[in-house]
Amino acid sequence: MKKELFAVGDVHGQISLFKKMLTNWNEDIQQLLLIGDLGDRGENPKECLLLAKTLVEEKGAIYLKGNHEEMLLNFMNDPERNYELYCLNGGMKTLETFLHPGLDAEYSPTEIGMFLASRYPALKPFLETLPLYYEWGDFLFVHAGVDLSKRDWRQTSDEDYVWIRDSFHKEKNNTGKIIVFGHTITPALYGDNHTTDLWIKDNKIGIDGGAVYGGALHGVLFNETKLVKDIKIDNTGYVWDGRV
């Protein structure tokens, strides 16, 4: 096991920020972890998803399943049933970058799903392998959170791992783990719709700075017992490097 872990927050298609953040990752001594939601919205979801896939397969990165990966999988499994929800959550941007703009006017959901599966046959099997959480030292990494009402957090439902919000944020963390999560942007966690800093409370660390909404992308460095450093890149490209 590597001595440190470098966790990247929700990218949501922001490929330029993603690539810039990766320049801060030292692959020789740091395990790379992606907290989920690589696609949908943003600059180029296709490139983000394929880069993440390469990082897993060639560099041993941990890529956690987010709710947007789940929605893409649901669309590919049943396009007619899941197309509208996926598009409402930024999925059309992903589909258009994988295929071409204007899909909605030309093809049915079933046809779009068939095109995607035939041109990128490895995508669906890859997304199906994504883990829901990752334990490392004193830390638990998960996309959305866990069900803190359970005696054992491992009894959390698959849906809650990728979708849970308020009940996780508000309930007492008695897991013995420091839980690092994305999914809910830190401006919402702070309640001011402005603050993009890490949200740290009750042994929970929120790392989704809302990059795709004009906020910031976080890259957070941990050793086995503590948070070491937070690198924050905003949408102007400004890099804030904060060592704890």
C-alpha atoms as a PDB file:
ATOM      1  CA  MET A   1       0.000   0.000   0.000  1.00  0.00           C
ATOM      2  CA  LYS A   2       1.309   3.451  -0.884  1.00  0.00           C
ATOM      3  CA  LYS A   3       2.169   5.903   1.892  1.00  0.00           C
ATOM      4  CA  GLU A   4      -0.300   8.587   0.796  1.00  0.00           C
ATOM      5  CA  LEU A   5      -3.620   8.905  -1.024  1.00  0.00           C
ATOM      6  CA  PHE A   6      -4.615  11.722  -3.385  1.00  0.00           C
ATOM      7  CA  ALA A   7      -8.397  12.103  -3.684  1.00  0.00           C
ATOM      8  CA  VAL A   8      -9.987  14.169  -6.462  1.00  0.00           C
ATOM      9  CA  GLY A   9     -13.480  15.631  -6.070  1.00  0.00           C
ATOM     10  CA  ASP A  10     -16.402  15.550  -8.520  1.00  0.00           C
ATOM     11  CA  VAL A  11     -15.069  16.477 -11.975  1.00  0.00           C
ATOM     12  CA  HIS A  12     -18.321  16.550 -13.999  1.00  0.00           C
ATOM     13  CA  GLY A  13     -16.709  16.896 -17.407  1.00  0.00           C
ATOM     14  CA  GLN A  14     -14.246  19.643 -16.506  1.00  0.00           C
ATOM     15  CA  ILE A  15     -11.360  18.037 -18.370  1.00  0.00           C
ATOM     16  CA  SER A  16      -8.987  21.018 -18.237  1.00  0.00           C
ATOM     17  CA  LEU A  17      -9.278  21.247 -14.451  1.00  0.00           C
ATOM     18  CA  PHE A  18      -8.985  17.468 -14.158  1.00  0.00           C
ATOM     19  CA  LYS A  19      -5.759  17.319 -16.175  1.00  0.00           C
ATOM     20  CA  LYS A  20      -4.318  20.283 -14.301  1.00  0.00           C
ATOM     21  CA  MET A  21      -5.147  18.652 -10.978  1.00  0.00           C
ATOM     22  CA  LEU A  22      -3.441  15.418 -11.997  1.00  0.00           C
ATOM     23  CA  THR A  23      -0.144  17.274 -12.381  1.00  0.00           C
ATOM     24  CA  ASN A  24      -0.165  17.527  -8.560  1.00  0.00           C
ATOM     25  CA  TRP A  25      -0.416  13.737  -8.114  1.00  0.00           C
ATOM     26  CA  ASN A  26       2.797  11.844  -7.391  1.00  0.00           C
ATOM     27  CA  GLU A  27       2.008   8.373  -8.657  1.00  0.00           C
ATOM     28  CA  ASP A  28       5.160   6.865  -7.168  1.00  0.00           C
ATOM     29  CA  ILE A  29       4.052   7.381  -3.568  1.00  0.00           C
ATOM     30  CA  GLN A  30       0.364   8.349  -3.760  1.00  0.00           C
ATOM     31  CA  GLN A  31      -2.671   6.197  -4.429  1.00  0.00           C
ATOM     32  CA  LEU A  32      -5.035   8.101  -6.739  1.00  0.00           C
ATOM     33  CA  LEU A  33      -8.729   8.040  -5.834  1.00  0.00           C
ATOM     34  CA  LEU A  34     -11.556   9.574  -7.867  1.00  0.00           C
ATOM     35  CA  ILE A  35     -14.649  10.236  -5.739  1.00  0.00           C
ATOM     36  CA  GLY A  36     -17.085   9.700  -8.658  1.00  0.00           C
ATOM     37  CA  ASP A  37     -19.213  11.782 -11.054  1.00  0.00           C
ATOM     38  CA  LEU A  38     -16.612  12.134 -13.808  1.00  0.00           C
ATOM     39  CA  GLY A  39     -19.187  12.792 -16.531  1.00  0.00           C
ATOM     40  CA  ASP A  40     -22.367  14.771 -17.239  1.00  0.00           C
ATOM     41  CA  ARG A  41     -22.242  18.547 -17.767  1.00  0.00           C
ATOM     42  CA  GLY A  42     -18.967  20.417 -18.126  1.00  0.00           C
ATOM     43  CA  GLU A  43     -16.421  20.791 -20.869  1.00  0.00           C
ATOM     44  CA  ASN A  44     -15.915  17.226 -22.142  1.00  0.00           C
ATOM     45  CA  PRO A  45     -17.475  14.358 -20.168  1.00  0.00           C
ATOM     46  CA  LYS A  46     -16.297  11.715 -22.647  1.00  0.00           C
ATOM     47  CA  GLU A  47     -12.658  12.666 -22.234  1.00  0.00           C
ATOM     48  CA  CYS A  48     -12.997  12.699 -18.427  1.00  0.00           C
ATOM     49  CA  LEU A  49     -14.598   9.259 -18.319  1.00  0.00           C
ATOM     50  CA  LEU A  50     -12.086   7.702 -20.707  1.00  0.00           C
ATOM     51  CA  LEU A  51      -9.139   9.285 -18.896  1.00  0.00           C
ATOM     52  CA  ALA A  52     -10.472   7.929 -15.594  1.00  0.00           C
ATOM     53  CA  LYS A  53     -10.809   4.483 -17.175  1.00  0.00           C
ATOM     54  CA  THR A  54      -7.192   4.645 -18.350  1.00  0.00           C
ATOM     55  CA  LEU A  55      -6.012   5.734 -14.902  1.00  0.00           C
ATOM     56  CA  VAL A  56      -7.727   2.719 -13.345  1.00  0.00           C
ATOM     57  CA  GLU A  57      -6.453   0.226 -15.891  1.00  0.00           C
ATOM     58  CA  GLU A  58      -2.917   1.529 -16.321  1.00  0.00           C
ATOM     59  CA  LYS A  59      -2.118   3.358 -13.069  1.00  0.00           C
ATOM     60  CA  GLY A  60      -4.134   1.445 -10.475  1.00  0.00           C
ATOM     61  CA  ALA A  61      -6.418   4.364  -9.595  1.00  0.00           C
ATOM     62  CA  ILE A  62      -9.495   3.789  -7.424  1.00  0.00           C
ATOM     63  CA  TYR A  63     -12.609   5.148  -9.178  1.00  0.00           C
ATOM     64  CA  LEU A  64     -15.698   5.168  -6.959  1.00  0.00           C
ATOM     65  CA  LYS A  65     -19.147   4.860  -8.446  1.00  0.00           C
ATOM     66  CA  GLY A  66     -21.186   8.058  -8.254  1.00  0.00           C
ATOM     67  CA  ASN A  67     -24.841   8.681  -8.936  1.00  0.00           C
ATOM     68  CA  HIS A  68     -23.993   9.960 -12.420  1.00  0.00           C
ATOM     69  CA  GLU A  69     -22.163   6.743 -13.276  1.00  0.00           C
ATOM     70  CA  GLU A  70     -25.227   4.911 -12.007  1.00  0.00           C
ATOM     71  CA  MET A  71     -27.552   7.010 -14.200  1.00  0.00           C
ATOM     72  CA  LEU A  72     -25.377   6.354 -17.257  1.00  0.00           C
ATOM     73  CA  LEU A  73     -25.463   2.619 -16.543  1.00  0.00           C
ATOM     74  CA  ASN A  74     -29.221   2.720 -16.041  1.00  0.00           C
ATOM     75  CA  PHE A  75     -29.603   4.500 -19.366  1.00  0.00           C
ATOM     76  CA  MET A  76     -27.462   1.917 -21.155  1.00  0.00           C
ATOM     77  CA  ASN A  77     -29.435  -0.940 -19.573  1.00  0.00           C
ATOM     78  CA  ASP A  78     -32.878   0.525 -20.356  1.00  0.00           C
ATOM     79  CA  PRO A  79     -32.666   3.638 -22.576  1.00  0.00           C
ATOM     80  CA  GLU A  80     -36.386   4.302 -22.977  1.00  0.00           C
ATOM     81  CA  ARG A  81     -37.107   4.140 -19.260  1.00  0.00           C
ATOM     82  CA  ASN A  82     -34.097   6.155 -18.062  1.00  0.00           C
ATOM     83  CA  TYR A  83     -33.404   8.648 -20.867  1.00  0.00           C
ATOM     84  CA  GLU A  84     -35.424  11.570 -19.499  1.00  0.00           C
ATOM     85  CA  LEU A  85     -33.963  11.425 -15.983  1.00  0.00           C
ATOM     86  CA  TYR A  86     -30.441  11.066 -17.346  1.00  0.00           C
ATOM     87  CA  CYS A  87     -30.834  14.053 -19.650  1.00  0.00           C
ATOM     88  CA  LEU A  88     -32.322  16.164 -16.853  1.00  0.00           C
ATOM     89  CA  ASN A  89     -29.118  15.532 -14.905  1.00  0.00           C
ATOM     90  CA  GLY A  90     -26.642  16.534 -17.591  1.00  0.00           C
ATOM     91  CA  GLY A  91     -26.508  13.246 -19.465  1.00  0.00           C
ATOM     92  CA  MET A  92     -27.097  14.727 -22.909  1.00  0.00           C
ATOM     93  CA  LYS A  93     -23.710  16.468 -22.684  1.00  0.00           C
ATOM     94  CA  THR A  94     -22.095  13.084 -22.085  1.00  0.00           C
ATOM     95  CA  LEU A  95     -23.990  11.386 -24.907  1.00  0.00           C
ATOM     96  CA  GLU A  96     -23.166  14.176 -27.354  1.00  0.00           C
ATOM     97  CA  THR A  97     -19.452  14.114 -26.560  1.00  0.00           C
ATOM     98  CA  PHE A  98     -19.389  10.331 -27.003  1.00  0.00           C
ATOM     99  CA  LEU A  99     -21.369  10.477 -30.249  1.00  0.00           C
ATOM    100  CA  HIS A 100     -22.265  13.873 -31.774  1.00  0.00           C
ATOM    101  CA  PRO A 101     -24.320  17.021 -31.073  1.00  0.00           C
ATOM    102  CA  GLY A 102     -28.002  17.028 -31.974  1.00  0.00           C
ATOM    103  CA  LEU A 103     -28.695  13.405 -31.061  1.00  0.00           C
ATOM    104  CA  ASP A 104     -32.043  14.169 -29.468  1.00  0.00           C
ATOM    105  CA  ALA A 105     -33.522  15.462 -32.717  1.00  0.00           C
ATOM    106  CA  GLU A 106     -32.278  12.526 -34.780  1.00  0.00           C
ATOM    107  CA  TYR A 107     -32.577   9.336 -32.767  1.00  0.00           C
ATOM    108  CA  SER A 108     -34.706   7.559 -30.194  1.00  0.00           C
ATOM    109  CA  PRO A 109     -33.252   6.703 -26.777  1.00  0.00           C
ATOM    110  CA  THR A 110     -32.948   3.073 -27.858  1.00  0.00           C
ATOM    111  CA  GLU A 111     -30.965   4.036 -30.951  1.00  0.00           C
ATOM    112  CA  ILE A 112     -28.674   6.301 -28.928  1.00  0.00           C
ATOM    113  CA  GLY A 113     -28.065   3.472 -26.466  1.00  0.00           C
ATOM    114  CA  MET A 114     -27.245   1.081 -29.299  1.00  0.00           C
ATOM    115  CA  PHE A 115     -24.784   3.525 -30.871  1.00  0.00           C
ATOM    116  CA  LEU A 116     -23.045   4.079 -27.542  1.00  0.00           C
ATOM    117  CA  ALA A 117     -22.769   0.354 -26.820  1.00  0.00           C
ATOM    118  CA  SER A 118     -21.476  -0.503 -30.282  1.00  0.00           C
ATOM    119  CA  ARG A 119     -18.863   2.265 -30.478  1.00  0.00           C
ATOM    120  CA  TYR A 120     -17.662   1.962 -26.871  1.00  0.00           C
ATOM    121  CA  PRO A 121     -18.236  -1.699 -25.959  1.00  0.00           C
ATOM    122  CA  ALA A 122     -15.855  -1.578 -22.984  1.00  0.00           C
ATOM    123  CA  LEU A 123     -17.625   1.333 -21.282  1.00  0.00           C
ATOM    124  CA  LYS A 124     -20.568  -0.476 -19.690  1.00  0.00           C
ATOM    125  CA  PRO A 125     -18.543  -3.439 -18.344  1.00  0.00           C
ATOM    126  CA  PHE A 126     -16.033  -1.002 -16.892  1.00  0.00           C
ATOM    127  CA  LEU A 127     -18.674   1.102 -15.118  1.00  0.00           C
ATOM    128  CA  GLU A 128     -20.214  -2.068 -13.687  1.00  0.00           C
ATOM    129  CA  THR A 129     -16.945  -2.876 -11.896  1.00  0.00           C
ATOM    130  CA  LEU A 130     -16.705   0.442  -9.998  1.00  0.00           C
ATOM    131  CA  PRO A 131     -16.601   0.038  -6.194  1.00  0.00           C
ATOM    132  CA  LEU A 132     -19.043   1.853  -3.910  1.00  0.00           C
ATOM    133  CA  TYR A 133     -16.493   2.708  -1.220  1.00  0.00           C
ATOM    134  CA  TYR A 134     -12.819   2.391  -0.331  1.00  0.00           C
ATOM    135  CA  GLU A 135     -11.299   1.981   3.135  1.00  0.00           C
ATOM    136  CA  TRP A 136      -7.786   3.284   3.701  1.00  0.00           C
ATOM    137  CA  GLY A 137      -6.177   3.766   7.099  1.00  0.00           C
ATOM    138  CA  ASP A 138      -8.491   5.804   9.317  1.00  0.00           C
ATOM    139  CA  PHE A 139     -10.514   6.920   6.302  1.00  0.00           C
ATOM    140  CA  LEU A 140     -13.577   5.771   4.422  1.00  0.00           C
ATOM    141  CA  PHE A 141     -14.029   7.198   0.930  1.00  0.00           C
ATOM    142  CA  VAL A 142     -17.493   7.126  -0.645  1.00  0.00           C
ATOM    143  CA  HIS A 143     -19.270   9.179  -3.288  1.00  0.00           C
ATOM    144  CA  ALA A 144     -22.332  10.429  -1.391  1.00  0.00           C
ATOM    145  CA  GLY A 145     -22.109   9.048   2.139  1.00  0.00           C
ATOM    146  CA  VAL A 146     -23.300   6.159   4.285  1.00  0.00           C
ATOM    147  CA  ASP A 147     -26.404   5.394   6.325  1.00  0.00           C
ATOM    148  CA  LEU A 148     -25.360   6.453   9.824  1.00  0.00           C
ATOM    149  CA  SER A 149     -28.568   5.080  11.322  1.00  0.00           C
ATOM    150  CA  LYS A 150     -27.270   1.551  10.737  1.00  0.00           C
ATOM    151  CA  ARG A 151     -25.310  -0.204  13.464  1.00  0.00           C
ATOM    152  CA  ASP A 152     -22.772  -1.158  10.796  1.00  0.00           C
ATOM    153  CA  TRP A 153     -22.275   1.396   8.025  1.00  0.00           C
ATOM    154  CA  ARG A 154     -21.588  -1.495   5.635  1.00  0.00           C
ATOM    155  CA  GLN A 155     -25.337  -2.211   5.696  1.00  0.00           C
ATOM    156  CA  THR A 156     -25.836   1.008   3.701  1.00  0.00           C
ATOM    157  CA  SER A 157     -27.902   0.367   0.571  1.00  0.00           C
ATOM    158  CA  ASP A 158     -26.260   0.617  -2.834  1.00  0.00           C
ATOM    159  CA  GLU A 159     -28.568   3.556  -3.587  1.00  0.00           C
ATOM    160  CA  ASP A 160     -27.513   5.491  -0.475  1.00  0.00           C
ATOM    161  CA  TYR A 161     -23.794   5.083  -1.201  1.00  0.00           C
ATOM    162  CA  VAL A 162     -24.296   7.156  -4.353  1.00  0.00           C
ATOM    163  CA  TRP A 163     -27.352   9.321  -3.559  1.00  0.00           C
ATOM    164  CA  ILE A 164     -27.667  10.046   0.204  1.00  0.00           C
ATOM    165  CA  ARG A 165     -27.547  13.668   1.350  1.00  0.00           C
ATOM    166  CA  ASP A 166     -29.113  15.359   4.397  1.00  0.00           C
ATOM    167  CA  SER A 167     -29.483  12.381   6.719  1.00  0.00           C
ATOM    168  CA  PHE A 168     -25.790  11.565   6.298  1.00  0.00           C
ATOM    169  CA  HIS A 169     -24.685  15.177   6.717  1.00  0.00           C
ATOM    170  CA  LYS A 170     -26.732  15.714   9.872  1.00  0.00           C
ATOM    171  CA  GLU A 171     -26.559  12.391  11.716  1.00  0.00           C
ATOM    172  CA  LYS A 172     -23.752  11.711  14.217  1.00  0.00           C
ATOM    173  CA  ASN A 173     -20.765   9.824  12.813  1.00  0.00           C
ATOM    174  CA  ASN A 174     -20.080   6.930  15.182  1.00  0.00           C
ATOM    175  CA  THR A 175     -18.360   4.714  12.619  1.00  0.00           C
ATOM    176  CA  GLY A 176     -14.842   5.257  13.934  1.00  0.00           C
ATOM    177  CA  LYS A 177     -13.897   6.369  10.425  1.00  0.00           C
ATOM    178  CA  ILE A 178     -13.227   9.776   8.926  1.00  0.00           C
ATOM    179  CA  ILE A 179     -15.626   9.775   5.974  1.00  0.00           C
ATOM    180  CA  VAL A 180     -14.504  11.582   2.816  1.00  0.00           C
ATOM    181  CA  PHE A 181     -17.265  12.227   0.279  1.00  0.00           C
ATOM    182  CA  GLY A 182     -18.361  14.230  -2.747  1.00  0.00           C
ATOM    183  CA  HIS A 183     -21.829  14.487  -4.345  1.00  0.00           C
ATOM    184  CA  THR A 184     -23.117  17.491  -2.375  1.00  0.00           C
ATOM    185  CA  ILE A 185     -21.252  20.664  -3.244  1.00  0.00           C
ATOM    186  CA  THR A 186     -19.563  22.445  -0.352  1.00  0.00           C
ATOM    187  CA  PRO A 187     -21.404  25.763  -1.010  1.00  0.00           C
ATOM    188  CA  ALA A 188     -24.609  23.858  -0.203  1.00  0.00           C
ATOM    189  CA  LEU A 189     -23.074  22.187   2.855  1.00  0.00           C
ATOM    190  CA  TYR A 190     -21.982  25.586   4.174  1.00  0.00           C
ATOM    191  CA  GLY A 191     -25.443  26.929   3.386  1.00  0.00           C
ATOM    192  CA  ASP A 192     -24.174  30.102   1.737  1.00  0.00           C
ATOM    193  CA  ASN A 193     -24.033  29.019  -1.928  1.00  0.00           C
ATOM    194  CA  HIS A 194     -20.564  30.540  -2.040  1.00  0.00           C
ATOM    195  CA  THR A 195     -17.891  28.812   0.034  1.00  0.00           C
ATOM    196  CA  THR A 196     -15.927  26.281  -2.024  1.00  0.00           C
ATOM    197  CA  ASP A 197     -13.487  25.268   0.736  1.00  0.00           C
ATOM    198  CA  LEU A 198     -13.467  21.733   2.073  1.00  0.00           C
ATOM    199  CA  TRP A 199     -16.370  21.088   4.458  1.00  0.00           C
ATOM    200  CA  ILE A 200     -15.066  19.436   7.632  1.00  0.00           C
ATOM    201  CA  LYS A 201     -17.403  18.464  10.458  1.00  0.00           C
ATOM    202  CA  ASP A 202     -17.984  15.449  12.733  1.00  0.00           C
ATOM    203  CA  ASN A 203     -15.200  13.401  11.099  1.00  0.00           C
ATOM    204  CA  LYS A 204     -16.744  14.021   7.680  1.00  0.00           C
ATOM    205  CA  ILE A 205     -14.891  15.789   4.860  1.00  0.00           C
ATOM    206  CA  GLY A 206     -16.821  17.079   1.847  1.00  0.00           C
ATOM    207  CA  ILE A 207     -14.550  17.560  -1.174  1.00  0.00           C
ATOM    208  CA  ASP A 208     -16.940  18.554  -3.983  1.00  0.00           C
ATOM    209  CA  GLY A 209     -16.197  22.246  -4.505  1.00  0.00           C
ATOM    210  CA  GLY A 210     -18.756  22.547  -7.304  1.00  0.00           C
ATOM    211  CA  ALA A 211     -16.223  22.914 -10.123  1.00  0.00           C
ATOM    212  CA  VAL A 212     -18.811  22.544 -12.870  1.00  0.00           C
ATOM    213  CA  TYR A 213     -20.957  25.307 -11.331  1.00  0.00           C
ATOM    214  CA  GLY A 214     -18.172  27.885 -11.311  1.00  0.00           C
ATOM    215  CA  GLY A 215     -16.674  26.657  -8.047  1.00  0.00           C
ATOM    216  CA  ALA A 216     -13.443  24.727  -7.601  1.00  0.00           C
ATOM    217  CA  LEU A 217     -11.954  21.262  -8.012  1.00  0.00           C
ATOM    218  CA  HIS A 218     -10.241  19.783  -4.961  1.00  0.00           C
ATOM    219  CA  GLY A 219      -7.329  17.393  -4.819  1.00  0.00           C
ATOM    220  CA  VAL A 220      -6.862  16.297  -1.210  1.00  0.00           C
ATOM    221  CA  LEU A 221      -3.778  14.517   0.081  1.00  0.00           C
ATOM    222  CA  PHE A 222      -4.011  12.126   3.024  1.00  0.00           C
ATOM    223  CA  ASN A 223      -1.663   9.876   4.903  1.00  0.00           C
ATOM    224  CA  GLU A 224      -3.126   6.936   6.843  1.00  0.00           C
ATOM    225  CA  THR A 225      -4.154   9.067   9.820  1.00  0.00           C
ATOM    226  CA  LYS A 226      -4.719  12.656   8.707  1.00  0.00           C
ATOM    227  CA  LEU A 227      -5.428  15.160   5.969  1.00  0.00           C
ATOM    228  CA  VAL A 228      -2.066  16.535   4.827  1.00  0.00           C
ATOM    229  CA  LYS A 229      -2.812  19.029   2.079  1.00  0.00           C
ATOM    230  CA  ASP A 230      -5.654  20.442  -0.022  1.00  0.00           C
ATOM    231  CA  ILE A 231      -5.083  21.710  -3.544  1.00  0.00           C
ATOM    232  CA  LYS A 232      -7.957  23.783  -4.902  1.00  0.00           C
ATOM    233  CA  ILE A 233      -8.157  24.926  -8.531  1.00  0.00           C
ATOM    234  CA  ASP A 234     -10.872  27.386  -9.475  1.00  0.00           C
ATOM    235  CA  ASN A 235     -12.325  27.945 -12.922  1.00  0.00           C
ATOM    236  CA  THR A 236      -9.887  30.768 -13.687  1.00  0.00           C
ATOM    237  CA  GLY A 237      -7.068  28.253 -13.261  1.00  0.00           C
ATOM    238  CA  TYR A 238      -5.881  29.763  -9.987  1.00  0.00           C
ATOM    239  CA  VAL A 239      -4.275  27.132  -7.768  1.00  0.00           C
ATOM    240  CA  TRP A 240      -4.551  27.368  -3.981  1.00  0.00           C
ATOM    241  CA  ASP A 241      -2.147  24.982  -2.242  1.00  0.00           C
ATOM    242  CA  GLY A 242      -2.971  24.574   1.420  1.00  0.00           C
ATOM    243  CA  ARG A 243      -0.774  22.375   3.595  1.00  0.00           C
ATOM    244  CA  VAL A 244      -2.332  21.441   6.908  1.00  0.00           C
END
